[in-house]
């Protein structure tokens, strides 16, 4: 079995066994706190988990997992913070320059009980995305625990579309997942 698949499956097994205990999940933030999470150089996000609490400012705790990219993709030649989403607003963001998501930063705003969001993107030569898809809503219903684990080796997170409920004070996410070509291509922002 591919070593990368073993890592993802062990992550799934770990998450499944811990799903009833949200206190010890390696959260990157506390409620109402900002955070800046970046994968190590050459790695990208492969799993995202969050836990909602109405009592704690209608906010979520967040946890992320990274994994090295396949050898054929090479090393990232450039990384940057992409466009910013304002708290309380809908947002669709796909890494510019065909980048892959390798980090997330967020700041909490008490006035709207929501966060702003920004993706850390990395560019791998001139590889292009293909076979892109959006996930279903994560979480399926507002205020539920949320979890994304990349469903198949070879897919990468390129961005997300998110909506905010002003009534329930929570977000739902549709992550944009793509495969990347094994060859250099001339196209940008596909």
C-alpha atoms as a PDB file:
ATOM      1  CA  UNK A   1       0.000   0.000   0.000  1.00  0.00           C
ATOM      2  CA  UNK A   2       1.216   3.513  -0.770  1.00  0.00           C
ATOM      3  CA  UNK A   3       2.873   5.058   2.349  1.00  0.00           C
ATOM      4  CA  UNK A   4       0.855   8.259   1.912  1.00  0.00           C
ATOM      5  CA  UNK A   5      -2.381   6.261   2.013  1.00  0.00           C
ATOM      6  CA  UNK A   6      -1.247   4.614   5.232  1.00  0.00           C
ATOM      7  CA  UNK A   7      -0.745   8.063   6.785  1.00  0.00           C
ATOM      8  CA  UNK A   8      -4.209   9.254   5.699  1.00  0.00           C
ATOM      9  CA  UNK A   9      -5.883   6.036   6.845  1.00  0.00           C
ATOM     10  CA  UNK A  10      -4.136   6.179  10.214  1.00  0.00           C
ATOM     11  CA  UNK A  11      -5.338   9.766  10.544  1.00  0.00           C
ATOM     12  CA  UNK A  12      -8.899   8.660   9.761  1.00  0.00           C
ATOM     13  CA  UNK A  13      -8.650   5.892  12.357  1.00  0.00           C
ATOM     14  CA  UNK A  14      -7.276   8.314  14.949  1.00  0.00           C
ATOM     15  CA  UNK A  15     -10.016  10.855  14.260  1.00  0.00           C
ATOM     16  CA  UNK A  16     -12.698   8.150  14.388  1.00  0.00           C
ATOM     17  CA  UNK A  17     -11.547   6.899  17.784  1.00  0.00           C
ATOM     18  CA  UNK A  18     -11.424  10.417  19.192  1.00  0.00           C
ATOM     19  CA  UNK A  19     -14.646  11.764  17.697  1.00  0.00           C
ATOM     20  CA  UNK A  20     -16.446  11.719  21.036  1.00  0.00           C
ATOM     21  CA  UNK A  21     -13.761  13.642  22.928  1.00  0.00           C
ATOM     22  CA  UNK A  22     -13.184  17.123  21.539  1.00  0.00           C
ATOM     23  CA  UNK A  23     -10.879  18.275  24.349  1.00  0.00           C
ATOM     24  CA  UNK A  24      -7.614  16.689  23.203  1.00  0.00           C
ATOM     25  CA  UNK A  25      -7.517  17.086  19.436  1.00  0.00           C
ATOM     26  CA  UNK A  26      -4.445  19.286  18.921  1.00  0.00           C
ATOM     27  CA  UNK A  27      -6.529  22.381  18.237  1.00  0.00           C
ATOM     28  CA  UNK A  28      -4.571  25.305  16.788  1.00  0.00           C
ATOM     29  CA  UNK A  29      -6.741  27.870  18.573  1.00  0.00           C
ATOM     30  CA  UNK A  30      -8.851  28.514  21.614  1.00  0.00           C
ATOM     31  CA  UNK A  31     -12.357  29.923  21.254  1.00  0.00           C
ATOM     32  CA  UNK A  32     -12.353  33.567  20.107  1.00  0.00           C
ATOM     33  CA  UNK A  33      -8.620  33.432  19.371  1.00  0.00           C
ATOM     34  CA  UNK A  34      -6.907  34.012  16.066  1.00  0.00           C
ATOM     35  CA  UNK A  35      -4.490  31.491  14.600  1.00  0.00           C
ATOM     36  CA  UNK A  36      -1.914  31.092  11.862  1.00  0.00           C
ATOM     37  CA  UNK A  37      -1.276  27.512  10.748  1.00  0.00           C
ATOM     38  CA  UNK A  38       1.260  26.585   8.054  1.00  0.00           C
ATOM     39  CA  UNK A  39       2.292  23.114   6.928  1.00  0.00           C
ATOM     40  CA  UNK A  40       6.030  22.363   6.869  1.00  0.00           C
ATOM     41  CA  UNK A  41       7.748  23.243   3.582  1.00  0.00           C
ATOM     42  CA  UNK A  42       6.767  20.752   0.850  1.00  0.00           C
ATOM     43  CA  UNK A  43       3.575  19.633   2.612  1.00  0.00           C
ATOM     44  CA  UNK A  44      -0.086  20.547   2.014  1.00  0.00           C
ATOM     45  CA  UNK A  45      -3.317  20.279   4.012  1.00  0.00           C
ATOM     46  CA  UNK A  46      -4.983  16.855   3.884  1.00  0.00           C
ATOM     47  CA  UNK A  47      -7.408  17.027   6.823  1.00  0.00           C
ATOM     48  CA  UNK A  48      -9.426  19.733   8.555  1.00  0.00           C
ATOM     49  CA  UNK A  49     -11.529  19.320  11.682  1.00  0.00           C
ATOM     50  CA  UNK A  50     -13.562  21.776  13.763  1.00  0.00           C
ATOM     51  CA  UNK A  51     -15.799  21.734  16.814  1.00  0.00           C
ATOM     52  CA  UNK A  52     -18.539  24.357  17.405  1.00  0.00           C
ATOM     53  CA  UNK A  53     -19.550  25.935  20.736  1.00  0.00           C
ATOM     54  CA  UNK A  54     -22.414  28.410  21.034  1.00  0.00           C
ATOM     55  CA  UNK A  55     -21.413  29.182  24.644  1.00  0.00           C
ATOM     56  CA  UNK A  56     -17.926  30.243  23.549  1.00  0.00           C
ATOM     57  CA  UNK A  57     -18.865  33.037  21.154  1.00  0.00           C
ATOM     58  CA  UNK A  58     -20.488  30.795  18.515  1.00  0.00           C
ATOM     59  CA  UNK A  59     -16.941  29.908  17.525  1.00  0.00           C
ATOM     60  CA  UNK A  60     -15.065  26.786  16.489  1.00  0.00           C
ATOM     61  CA  UNK A  61     -11.879  25.070  17.546  1.00  0.00           C
ATOM     62  CA  UNK A  62      -9.785  24.075  14.500  1.00  0.00           C
ATOM     63  CA  UNK A  63      -7.267  21.293  13.808  1.00  0.00           C
ATOM     64  CA  UNK A  64      -5.301  20.623  10.604  1.00  0.00           C
ATOM     65  CA  UNK A  65      -3.137  17.795   9.285  1.00  0.00           C
ATOM     66  CA  UNK A  66      -0.490  18.028   6.574  1.00  0.00           C
ATOM     67  CA  UNK A  67       1.183  15.488   4.317  1.00  0.00           C
ATOM     68  CA  UNK A  68       4.178  15.712   1.960  1.00  0.00           C
ATOM     69  CA  UNK A  69       3.260  16.111  -1.695  1.00  0.00           C
ATOM     70  CA  UNK A  70       4.115  13.250  -4.085  1.00  0.00           C
ATOM     71  CA  UNK A  71       7.726  13.193  -5.268  1.00  0.00           C
ATOM     72  CA  UNK A  72       6.678  13.876  -8.870  1.00  0.00           C
ATOM     73  CA  UNK A  73       5.197  17.247  -7.910  1.00  0.00           C
ATOM     74  CA  UNK A  74       8.601  18.525  -6.817  1.00  0.00           C
ATOM     75  CA  UNK A  75       9.260  21.277  -4.290  1.00  0.00           C
ATOM     76  CA  UNK A  76       7.126  24.416  -4.034  1.00  0.00           C
ATOM     77  CA  UNK A  77       8.850  27.296  -5.792  1.00  0.00           C
ATOM     78  CA  UNK A  78       6.808  30.039  -4.112  1.00  0.00           C
ATOM     79  CA  UNK A  79       4.294  30.386  -1.248  1.00  0.00           C
ATOM     80  CA  UNK A  80       2.053  33.338  -0.285  1.00  0.00           C
ATOM     81  CA  UNK A  81      -1.063  34.390   1.628  1.00  0.00           C
ATOM     82  CA  UNK A  82      -3.952  34.635  -0.860  1.00  0.00           C
ATOM     83  CA  UNK A  83      -7.090  36.830  -0.751  1.00  0.00           C
ATOM     84  CA  UNK A  84      -8.811  37.594   2.548  1.00  0.00           C
ATOM     85  CA  UNK A  85     -12.446  36.907   3.480  1.00  0.00           C
ATOM     86  CA  UNK A  86     -14.149  39.422   5.776  1.00  0.00           C
ATOM     87  CA  UNK A  87     -16.036  38.127   8.811  1.00  0.00           C
ATOM     88  CA  UNK A  88     -19.779  37.730   8.254  1.00  0.00           C
ATOM     89  CA  UNK A  89     -19.447  37.510   4.461  1.00  0.00           C
ATOM     90  CA  UNK A  90     -19.735  34.682   1.953  1.00  0.00           C
ATOM     91  CA  UNK A  91     -16.433  33.744   0.348  1.00  0.00           C
ATOM     92  CA  UNK A  92     -15.096  31.716  -2.531  1.00  0.00           C
ATOM     93  CA  UNK A  93     -11.333  31.417  -2.790  1.00  0.00           C
ATOM     94  CA  UNK A  94      -9.150  29.260  -4.995  1.00  0.00           C
ATOM     95  CA  UNK A  95      -5.389  29.635  -4.701  1.00  0.00           C
ATOM     96  CA  UNK A  96      -4.127  31.885  -7.475  1.00  0.00           C
ATOM     97  CA  UNK A  97      -1.349  30.705  -9.827  1.00  0.00           C
ATOM     98  CA  UNK A  98      -2.623  27.091  -9.589  1.00  0.00           C
ATOM     99  CA  UNK A  99      -1.448  26.933  -5.972  1.00  0.00           C
ATOM    100  CA  UNK A 100      -2.330  24.316  -3.355  1.00  0.00           C
ATOM    101  CA  UNK A 101      -3.528  25.119   0.179  1.00  0.00           C
ATOM    102  CA  UNK A 102      -0.674  24.667   2.659  1.00  0.00           C
ATOM    103  CA  UNK A 103      -2.006  26.714   5.549  1.00  0.00           C
ATOM    104  CA  UNK A 104      -4.815  28.813   7.006  1.00  0.00           C
ATOM    105  CA  UNK A 105      -4.991  31.908   9.146  1.00  0.00           C
ATOM    106  CA  UNK A 106      -8.026  33.372  10.833  1.00  0.00           C
ATOM    107  CA  UNK A 107      -9.001  36.145  13.224  1.00  0.00           C
ATOM    108  CA  UNK A 108     -12.169  36.191  15.357  1.00  0.00           C
ATOM    109  CA  UNK A 109     -14.441  39.261  15.439  1.00  0.00           C
ATOM    110  CA  UNK A 110     -16.678  39.564  18.493  1.00  0.00           C
ATOM    111  CA  UNK A 111     -18.932  42.149  16.758  1.00  0.00           C
ATOM    112  CA  UNK A 112     -20.235  39.580  14.218  1.00  0.00           C
ATOM    113  CA  UNK A 113     -19.416  36.322  16.060  1.00  0.00           C
ATOM    114  CA  UNK A 114     -17.469  35.156  13.029  1.00  0.00           C
ATOM    115  CA  UNK A 115     -13.936  34.977  11.639  1.00  0.00           C
ATOM    116  CA  UNK A 116     -12.069  36.305   8.670  1.00  0.00           C
ATOM    117  CA  UNK A 117     -10.131  33.685   6.662  1.00  0.00           C
ATOM    118  CA  UNK A 118      -7.070  33.491   4.465  1.00  0.00           C
ATOM    119  CA  UNK A 119      -5.357  30.548   2.742  1.00  0.00           C
ATOM    120  CA  UNK A 120      -1.600  30.033   2.524  1.00  0.00           C
ATOM    121  CA  UNK A 121      -0.947  28.774  -1.011  1.00  0.00           C
ATOM    122  CA  UNK A 122       2.104  27.150  -2.600  1.00  0.00           C
ATOM    123  CA  UNK A 123       3.017  26.948  -6.280  1.00  0.00           C
ATOM    124  CA  UNK A 124       4.552  23.779  -7.734  1.00  0.00           C
ATOM    125  CA  UNK A 125       6.397  24.550 -10.996  1.00  0.00           C
ATOM    126  CA  UNK A 126       3.828  24.887 -13.742  1.00  0.00           C
ATOM    127  CA  UNK A 127       1.579  21.984 -12.748  1.00  0.00           C
ATOM    128  CA  UNK A 128      -2.113  22.409 -13.534  1.00  0.00           C
ATOM    129  CA  UNK A 129      -5.212  21.230 -11.700  1.00  0.00           C
ATOM    130  CA  UNK A 130      -7.742  18.890 -13.304  1.00  0.00           C
ATOM    131  CA  UNK A 131     -10.674  16.668 -12.230  1.00  0.00           C
ATOM    132  CA  UNK A 132     -11.722  19.332  -9.732  1.00  0.00           C
ATOM    133  CA  UNK A 133     -14.770  18.909  -7.521  1.00  0.00           C
ATOM    134  CA  UNK A 134     -16.448  20.542  -4.541  1.00  0.00           C
ATOM    135  CA  UNK A 135     -17.265  18.596  -1.409  1.00  0.00           C
ATOM    136  CA  UNK A 136     -20.744  18.571   0.082  1.00  0.00           C
ATOM    137  CA  UNK A 137     -21.395  21.058   2.897  1.00  0.00           C
ATOM    138  CA  UNK A 138     -19.047  20.552   5.841  1.00  0.00           C
ATOM    139  CA  UNK A 139     -20.560  20.372   8.398  1.00  0.00           C
ATOM    140  CA  UNK A 140     -23.744  19.015   6.849  1.00  0.00           C
ATOM    141  CA  UNK A 141     -25.781  21.111   9.311  1.00  0.00           C
ATOM    142  CA  UNK A 142     -24.731  24.275  11.123  1.00  0.00           C
ATOM    143  CA  UNK A 143     -23.276  23.893  14.626  1.00  0.00           C
ATOM    144  CA  UNK A 144     -22.234  20.263  14.094  1.00  0.00           C
ATOM    145  CA  UNK A 145     -18.717  18.919  14.364  1.00  0.00           C
ATOM    146  CA  UNK A 146     -17.022  19.245  10.967  1.00  0.00           C
ATOM    147  CA  UNK A 147     -14.410  17.051   9.326  1.00  0.00           C
ATOM    148  CA  UNK A 148     -12.719  16.804   5.936  1.00  0.00           C
ATOM    149  CA  UNK A 149     -10.181  14.108   5.164  1.00  0.00           C
ATOM    150  CA  UNK A 150      -9.002  14.079   1.549  1.00  0.00           C
ATOM    151  CA  UNK A 151     -10.969  11.143   0.109  1.00  0.00           C
ATOM    152  CA  UNK A 152      -8.357   9.860  -2.325  1.00  0.00           C
ATOM    153  CA  UNK A 153      -4.580  10.011  -2.641  1.00  0.00           C
ATOM    154  CA  UNK A 154      -3.591  12.422  -5.401  1.00  0.00           C
ATOM    155  CA  UNK A 155      -6.260  15.016  -4.651  1.00  0.00           C
ATOM    156  CA  UNK A 156      -5.325  18.362  -3.131  1.00  0.00           C
ATOM    157  CA  UNK A 157      -7.226  21.240  -1.508  1.00  0.00           C
ATOM    158  CA  UNK A 158      -7.133  24.253  -3.845  1.00  0.00           C
ATOM    159  CA  UNK A 159      -9.630  26.452  -1.999  1.00  0.00           C
ATOM    160  CA  UNK A 160     -13.148  26.651  -0.600  1.00  0.00           C
ATOM    161  CA  UNK A 161     -16.556  28.217  -0.866  1.00  0.00           C
ATOM    162  CA  UNK A 162     -18.129  29.169   2.442  1.00  0.00           C
ATOM    163  CA  UNK A 163     -21.431  30.656   3.539  1.00  0.00           C
ATOM    164  CA  UNK A 164     -22.254  32.285   6.868  1.00  0.00           C
ATOM    165  CA  UNK A 165     -25.602  32.080   8.654  1.00  0.00           C
ATOM    166  CA  UNK A 166     -26.274  35.365  10.468  1.00  0.00           C
ATOM    167  CA  UNK A 167     -29.023  33.646  12.466  1.00  0.00           C
ATOM    168  CA  UNK A 168     -27.095  30.532  13.562  1.00  0.00           C
ATOM    169  CA  UNK A 169     -23.696  32.331  13.617  1.00  0.00           C
ATOM    170  CA  UNK A 170     -21.863  29.491  11.931  1.00  0.00           C
ATOM    171  CA  UNK A 171     -20.271  28.638   8.574  1.00  0.00           C
ATOM    172  CA  UNK A 172     -20.605  25.745   6.171  1.00  0.00           C
ATOM    173  CA  UNK A 173     -17.714  24.938   3.828  1.00  0.00           C
ATOM    174  CA  UNK A 174     -17.435  23.316   0.404  1.00  0.00           C
ATOM    175  CA  UNK A 175     -13.775  22.536  -0.202  1.00  0.00           C
ATOM    176  CA  UNK A 176     -12.413  22.603  -3.750  1.00  0.00           C
ATOM    177  CA  UNK A 177     -10.375  19.440  -4.416  1.00  0.00           C
ATOM    178  CA  UNK A 178      -8.298  18.819  -7.556  1.00  0.00           C
ATOM    179  CA  UNK A 179      -5.734  16.442  -8.980  1.00  0.00           C
ATOM    180  CA  UNK A 180      -2.549  17.957 -10.439  1.00  0.00           C
ATOM    181  CA  UNK A 181      -0.948  17.114 -13.792  1.00  0.00           C
ATOM    182  CA  UNK A 182       2.249  15.043 -13.832  1.00  0.00           C
ATOM    183  CA  UNK A 183       3.679  17.393 -16.452  1.00  0.00           C
ATOM    184  CA  UNK A 184       4.327  21.121 -16.727  1.00  0.00           C
ATOM    185  CA  UNK A 185       1.607  23.063 -18.509  1.00  0.00           C
ATOM    186  CA  UNK A 186       1.215  26.602 -19.763  1.00  0.00           C
ATOM    187  CA  UNK A 187      -2.123  27.482 -18.164  1.00  0.00           C
ATOM    188  CA  UNK A 188      -2.724  29.541 -15.045  1.00  0.00           C
ATOM    189  CA  UNK A 189      -5.753  29.876 -12.766  1.00  0.00           C
ATOM    190  CA  UNK A 190      -7.719  26.932 -14.088  1.00  0.00           C
END
